[in-house]
C-alpha atoms as a PDB file:
ATOM      1  CA  MET A   1     -20.320  65.506  22.125  1.00  0.00           C
ATOM      2  CA  LEU A   2     -23.062  62.862  21.705  1.00  0.00           C
ATOM      3  CA  HIS A   3     -23.336  63.514  17.940  1.00  0.00           C
ATOM      4  CA  LYS A   4     -19.664  63.628  17.135  1.00  0.00           C
ATOM      5  CA  PRO A   5     -19.263  59.781  16.887  1.00  0.00           C
ATOM      6  CA  LEU A   6     -22.297  59.605  14.748  1.00  0.00           C
ATOM      7  CA  ILE A   7     -21.088  62.302  12.346  1.00  0.00           C
ATOM      8  CA  ILE A   8     -17.702  60.393  12.155  1.00  0.00           C
ATOM      9  CA  SER A   9     -19.542  57.168  11.496  1.00  0.00           C
ATOM     10  CA  GLY A  10     -21.581  58.740   8.715  1.00  0.00           C
ATOM     11  CA  LEU A  11     -18.513  60.317   7.054  1.00  0.00           C
ATOM     12  CA  SER A  12     -16.573  57.023   7.330  1.00  0.00           C
ATOM     13  CA  ALA A  13     -19.499  55.205   5.718  1.00  0.00           C
ATOM     14  CA  VAL A  14     -19.461  57.689   2.789  1.00  0.00           C
ATOM     15  CA  LEU A  15     -15.691  57.148   2.425  1.00  0.00           C
ATOM     16  CA  LEU A  16     -16.163  53.302   2.721  1.00  0.00           C
ATOM     17  CA  ILE A  17     -18.581  53.492  -0.227  1.00  0.00           C
ATOM     18  CA  ALA A  18     -16.123  55.686  -2.169  1.00  0.00           C
ATOM     19  CA  SER A  19     -13.174  53.439  -1.408  1.00  0.00           C
ATOM     20  CA  LEU A  20     -15.272  50.411  -2.502  1.00  0.00           C
ATOM     21  CA  ALA A  21     -16.178  52.081  -5.784  1.00  0.00           C
ATOM     22  CA  VAL A  22     -12.453  52.980  -6.400  1.00  0.00           C
ATOM     23  CA  HIS A  23     -11.442  49.435  -5.423  1.00  0.00           C
ATOM     24  CA  LEU A  24     -13.875  47.948  -7.950  1.00  0.00           C
ATOM     25  CA  LEU A  25     -12.673  50.258 -10.673  1.00  0.00           C
ATOM     26  CA  ILE A  26      -9.050  49.176  -9.944  1.00  0.00           C
ATOM     27  CA  PHE A  27     -10.175  45.594  -9.834  1.00  0.00           C
ATOM     28  CA  LYS A  28     -11.822  46.042 -13.284  1.00  0.00           C
ATOM     29  CA  GLY A  29      -8.521  47.300 -14.692  1.00  0.00           C
ATOM     30  CA  VAL A  30      -9.061  51.026 -14.676  1.00  0.00           C
ATOM     31  CA  SER A  31      -5.496  52.373 -14.107  1.00  0.00           C
ATOM     32  CA  ASN A  32      -5.856  56.058 -15.108  1.00  0.00           C
ATOM     33  CA  LEU A  33      -7.476  57.345 -11.931  1.00  0.00           C
ATOM     34  CA  PRO A  34      -6.415  60.845 -10.842  1.00  0.00           C
ATOM     35  CA  GLY A  35      -3.548  60.689  -8.270  1.00  0.00           C
ATOM     36  CA  PHE A  36      -5.476  62.822  -5.752  1.00  0.00           C
ATOM     37  CA  ILE A  37      -8.149  60.080  -5.349  1.00  0.00           C
ATOM     38  CA  ASP A  38      -5.770  57.491  -3.824  1.00  0.00           C
ATOM     39  CA  ILE A  39      -3.948  60.162  -1.824  1.00  0.00           C
ATOM     40  CA  SER A  40      -7.240  61.481  -0.453  1.00  0.00           C
ATOM     41  CA  LEU A  41      -8.598  58.087   0.504  1.00  0.00           C
ATOM     42  CA  THR A  42      -5.330  57.185   2.174  1.00  0.00           C
ATOM     43  CA  VAL A  43      -5.119  60.408   4.143  1.00  0.00           C
ATOM     44  CA  GLY A  44      -8.812  59.874   5.060  1.00  0.00           C
ATOM     45  CA  MET A  45      -8.010  56.425   6.256  1.00  0.00           C
ATOM     46  CA  VAL A  46      -5.337  57.738   8.601  1.00  0.00           C
ATOM     47  CA  VAL A  47      -7.533  60.461   9.932  1.00  0.00           C
ATOM     48  CA  ALA A  48     -10.343  58.051  10.390  1.00  0.00           C
ATOM     49  CA  TRP A  49      -8.084  55.720  12.302  1.00  0.00           C
ATOM     50  CA  LEU A  50      -6.847  58.518  14.575  1.00  0.00           C
ATOM     51  CA  LEU A  51     -10.435  59.436  15.491  1.00  0.00           C
ATOM     52  CA  THR A  52     -11.358  55.794  15.824  1.00  0.00           C
ATOM     53  CA  SER A  53      -8.596  55.120  18.292  1.00  0.00           C
ATOM     54  CA  LYS A  54      -9.740  58.137  20.238  1.00  0.00           C
ATOM     55  CA  PHE A  55     -13.248  56.679  20.405  1.00  0.00           C
ATOM     56  CA  LEU A  56     -11.833  53.304  21.248  1.00  0.00           C
ATOM     57  CA  LYS A  57     -10.101  54.901  24.309  1.00  0.00           C
ATOM     58  CA  GLU A  58     -13.349  56.564  25.293  1.00  0.00           C
ATOM     59  CA  LEU A  59     -15.171  53.295  25.034  1.00  0.00           C
ATOM     60  CA  GLN A  60     -12.643  51.646  27.257  1.00  0.00           C
ATOM     61  CA  ARG A  61     -12.541  54.527  29.809  1.00  0.00           C
ATOM     62  CA  ALA A  62     -16.352  54.397  30.216  1.00  0.00           C
ATOM     63  CA  GLN A  63     -16.274  50.610  30.862  1.00  0.00           C
ATOM     64  CA  PRO A  64     -12.703  49.661  31.819  1.00  0.00           C
ATOM     65  CA  ASP A  65     -13.598  46.162  33.021  1.00  0.00           C
ATOM     66  CA  VAL A  66     -14.750  45.056  29.572  1.00  0.00           C
ATOM     67  CA  HIS A  67     -12.407  44.013  26.753  1.00  0.00           C
ATOM     68  CA  PRO A  68     -12.321  46.564  23.928  1.00  0.00           C
ATOM     69  CA  VAL A  69     -13.350  44.116  21.270  1.00  0.00           C
ATOM     70  CA  ARG A  70     -16.284  43.045  23.350  1.00  0.00           C
ATOM     71  CA  LEU A  71     -17.258  46.714  23.901  1.00  0.00           C
ATOM     72  CA  ILE A  72     -17.252  47.286  20.155  1.00  0.00           C
ATOM     73  CA  THR A  73     -19.123  44.167  19.163  1.00  0.00           C
ATOM     74  CA  ALA A  74     -21.759  44.707  22.024  1.00  0.00           C
ATOM     75  CA  ASN A  75     -22.474  48.159  20.791  1.00  0.00           C
ATOM     76  CA  ALA A  76     -22.289  47.807  17.018  1.00  0.00           C
ATOM     77  CA  PRO A  77     -24.634  45.984  14.737  1.00  0.00           C
ATOM     78  CA  MET A  78     -23.646  42.377  14.132  1.00  0.00           C
ATOM     79  CA  SER A  79     -23.699  42.768  10.447  1.00  0.00           C
ATOM     80  CA  LEU A  80     -21.162  45.535  10.669  1.00  0.00           C
ATOM     81  CA  SER A  81     -18.873  43.328  12.794  1.00  0.00           C
ATOM     82  CA  PHE A  82     -19.078  40.629  10.014  1.00  0.00           C
ATOM     83  CA  LEU A  83     -18.416  43.254   7.348  1.00  0.00           C
ATOM     84  CA  THR A  84     -15.412  44.646   9.157  1.00  0.00           C
ATOM     85  CA  GLY A  85     -14.059  41.148   9.761  1.00  0.00           C
ATOM     86  CA  PHE A  86     -14.428  40.319   6.097  1.00  0.00           C
ATOM     87  CA  PHE A  87     -12.747  43.479   5.030  1.00  0.00           C
ATOM     88  CA  MET A  88      -9.861  42.723   7.380  1.00  0.00           C
ATOM     89  CA  LEU A  89      -9.305  39.280   5.843  1.00  0.00           C
ATOM     90  CA  TYR A  90      -9.800  40.611   2.330  1.00  0.00           C
ATOM     91  CA  ALA A  91      -7.206  43.427   2.883  1.00  0.00           C
ATOM     92  CA  ILE A  92      -4.618  40.977   4.062  1.00  0.00           C
ATOM     93  CA  ILE A  93      -5.266  38.493   1.193  1.00  0.00           C
ATOM     94  CA  ASN A  94      -5.493  41.259  -1.422  1.00  0.00           C
ATOM     95  CA  MET A  95      -2.156  42.736  -0.191  1.00  0.00           C
ATOM     96  CA  GLY A  96      -0.499  39.316  -0.165  1.00  0.00           C
ATOM     97  CA  MET A  97      -1.793  38.611  -3.764  1.00  0.00           C
ATOM     98  CA  MET A  98      -0.450  41.958  -4.973  1.00  0.00           C
ATOM     99  CA  ILE A  99       2.984  41.320  -3.445  1.00  0.00           C
ATOM    100  CA  ARG A 100       3.103  37.693  -4.704  1.00  0.00           C
ATOM    101  CA  THR A 101       2.052  38.425  -8.228  1.00  0.00           C
ATOM    102  CA  ASN A 102       3.425  41.986  -8.596  1.00  0.00           C
ATOM    103  CA  TRP A 103       0.373  43.240 -10.476  1.00  0.00           C
ATOM    104  CA  GLN A 104       1.601  45.823 -12.984  1.00  0.00           C
ATOM    105  CA  GLY A 105       0.103  49.229 -12.808  1.00  0.00           C
ATOM    106  CA  SER A 106      -2.246  48.378  -9.963  1.00  0.00           C
ATOM    107  CA  ASN A 107      -0.051  48.580  -6.799  1.00  0.00           C
ATOM    108  CA  ILE A 108      -2.742  50.838  -5.305  1.00  0.00           C
ATOM    109  CA  ARG A 109      -5.077  47.759  -5.391  1.00  0.00           C
ATOM    110  CA  GLY A 110      -3.083  46.264  -2.465  1.00  0.00           C
ATOM    111  CA  VAL A 111      -3.719  49.372  -0.384  1.00  0.00           C
ATOM    112  CA  SER A 112      -7.346  49.745  -1.421  1.00  0.00           C
ATOM    113  CA  GLY A 113      -8.290  46.699   0.655  1.00  0.00           C
ATOM    114  CA  PHE A 114      -6.971  48.544   3.745  1.00  0.00           C
ATOM    115  CA  TRP A 115      -9.125  51.558   2.929  1.00  0.00           C
ATOM    116  CA  LEU A 116     -12.102  49.238   3.051  1.00  0.00           C
ATOM    117  CA  PHE A 117     -11.089  47.723   6.334  1.00  0.00           C
ATOM    118  CA  PHE A 118     -10.153  50.917   8.162  1.00  0.00           C
ATOM    119  CA  TYR A 119     -13.218  52.822   7.007  1.00  0.00           C
ATOM    120  CA  ALA A 120     -15.457  49.873   8.054  1.00  0.00           C
ATOM    121  CA  LEU A 121     -13.581  49.795  11.399  1.00  0.00           C
ATOM    122  CA  ALA A 122     -14.124  53.542  11.812  1.00  0.00           C
ATOM    123  CA  VAL A 123     -17.833  53.129  11.199  1.00  0.00           C
ATOM    124  CA  MET A 124     -18.085  50.359  13.591  1.00  0.00           C
ATOM    125  CA  VAL A 125     -16.110  51.854  16.503  1.00  0.00           C
ATOM    126  CA  SER A 126     -17.683  55.301  16.148  1.00  0.00           C
ATOM    127  CA  TRP A 127     -21.170  53.725  15.969  1.00  0.00           C
ATOM    128  CA  ALA A 128     -20.345  51.700  19.080  1.00  0.00           C
ATOM    129  CA  ARG A 129     -19.139  54.844  20.896  1.00  0.00           C
ATOM    130  CA  TRP A 130     -22.316  56.686  19.984  1.00  0.00           C
ATOM    131  CA  ARG A 131     -24.577  53.830  21.224  1.00  0.00           C
ATOM    132  CA  GLN A 132     -22.446  53.508  24.433  1.00  0.00           C
ATOM    133  CA  SER A 133     -22.681  57.257  25.135  1.00  0.00           C
ATOM    134  CA  ARG A 134     -26.400  57.225  24.428  1.00  0.00           C
ATOM    135  CA  HIS A 135     -27.051  54.282  26.819  1.00  0.00           C
ATOM    136  CA  LEU A 136     -24.872  55.729  29.527  1.00  0.00           C
ATOM    137  CA  SER A 137     -26.581  59.065  29.405  1.00  0.00           C
ATOM    138  CA  GLN A 138     -30.007  57.581  29.935  1.00  0.00           C
ATOM    139  CA  PRO A 139     -31.243  57.213  33.508  1.00  0.00           C
END
């Protein structure tokens, strides 16, 4: 049980790097990416969020008197908090720009910002859950 959040954090970090690579390729104008890549990253994002929401509930259950955002930020590295916040803002701005300008052939670019955010959030929450469970298990 103690290692599950750490494993999810590691897998989410790998998918975060993969989604960043795909996002940069899309940003550079590469439009002939195989369809399974965007579907895989989107499905992975949903699965990561489902697991992350489970870890978020476990965080809150262990310390119900502390606000969930405070629990996450207290148990995750500050740099990861800033990165996740940056990706959240970037995802919203990126989607807005895609809708506003209607980029031809790169509609996936608007979604790719959300890949970055949700994978970063999954890393942050699962890391926080791992640290919390490690601290609570120590005497």
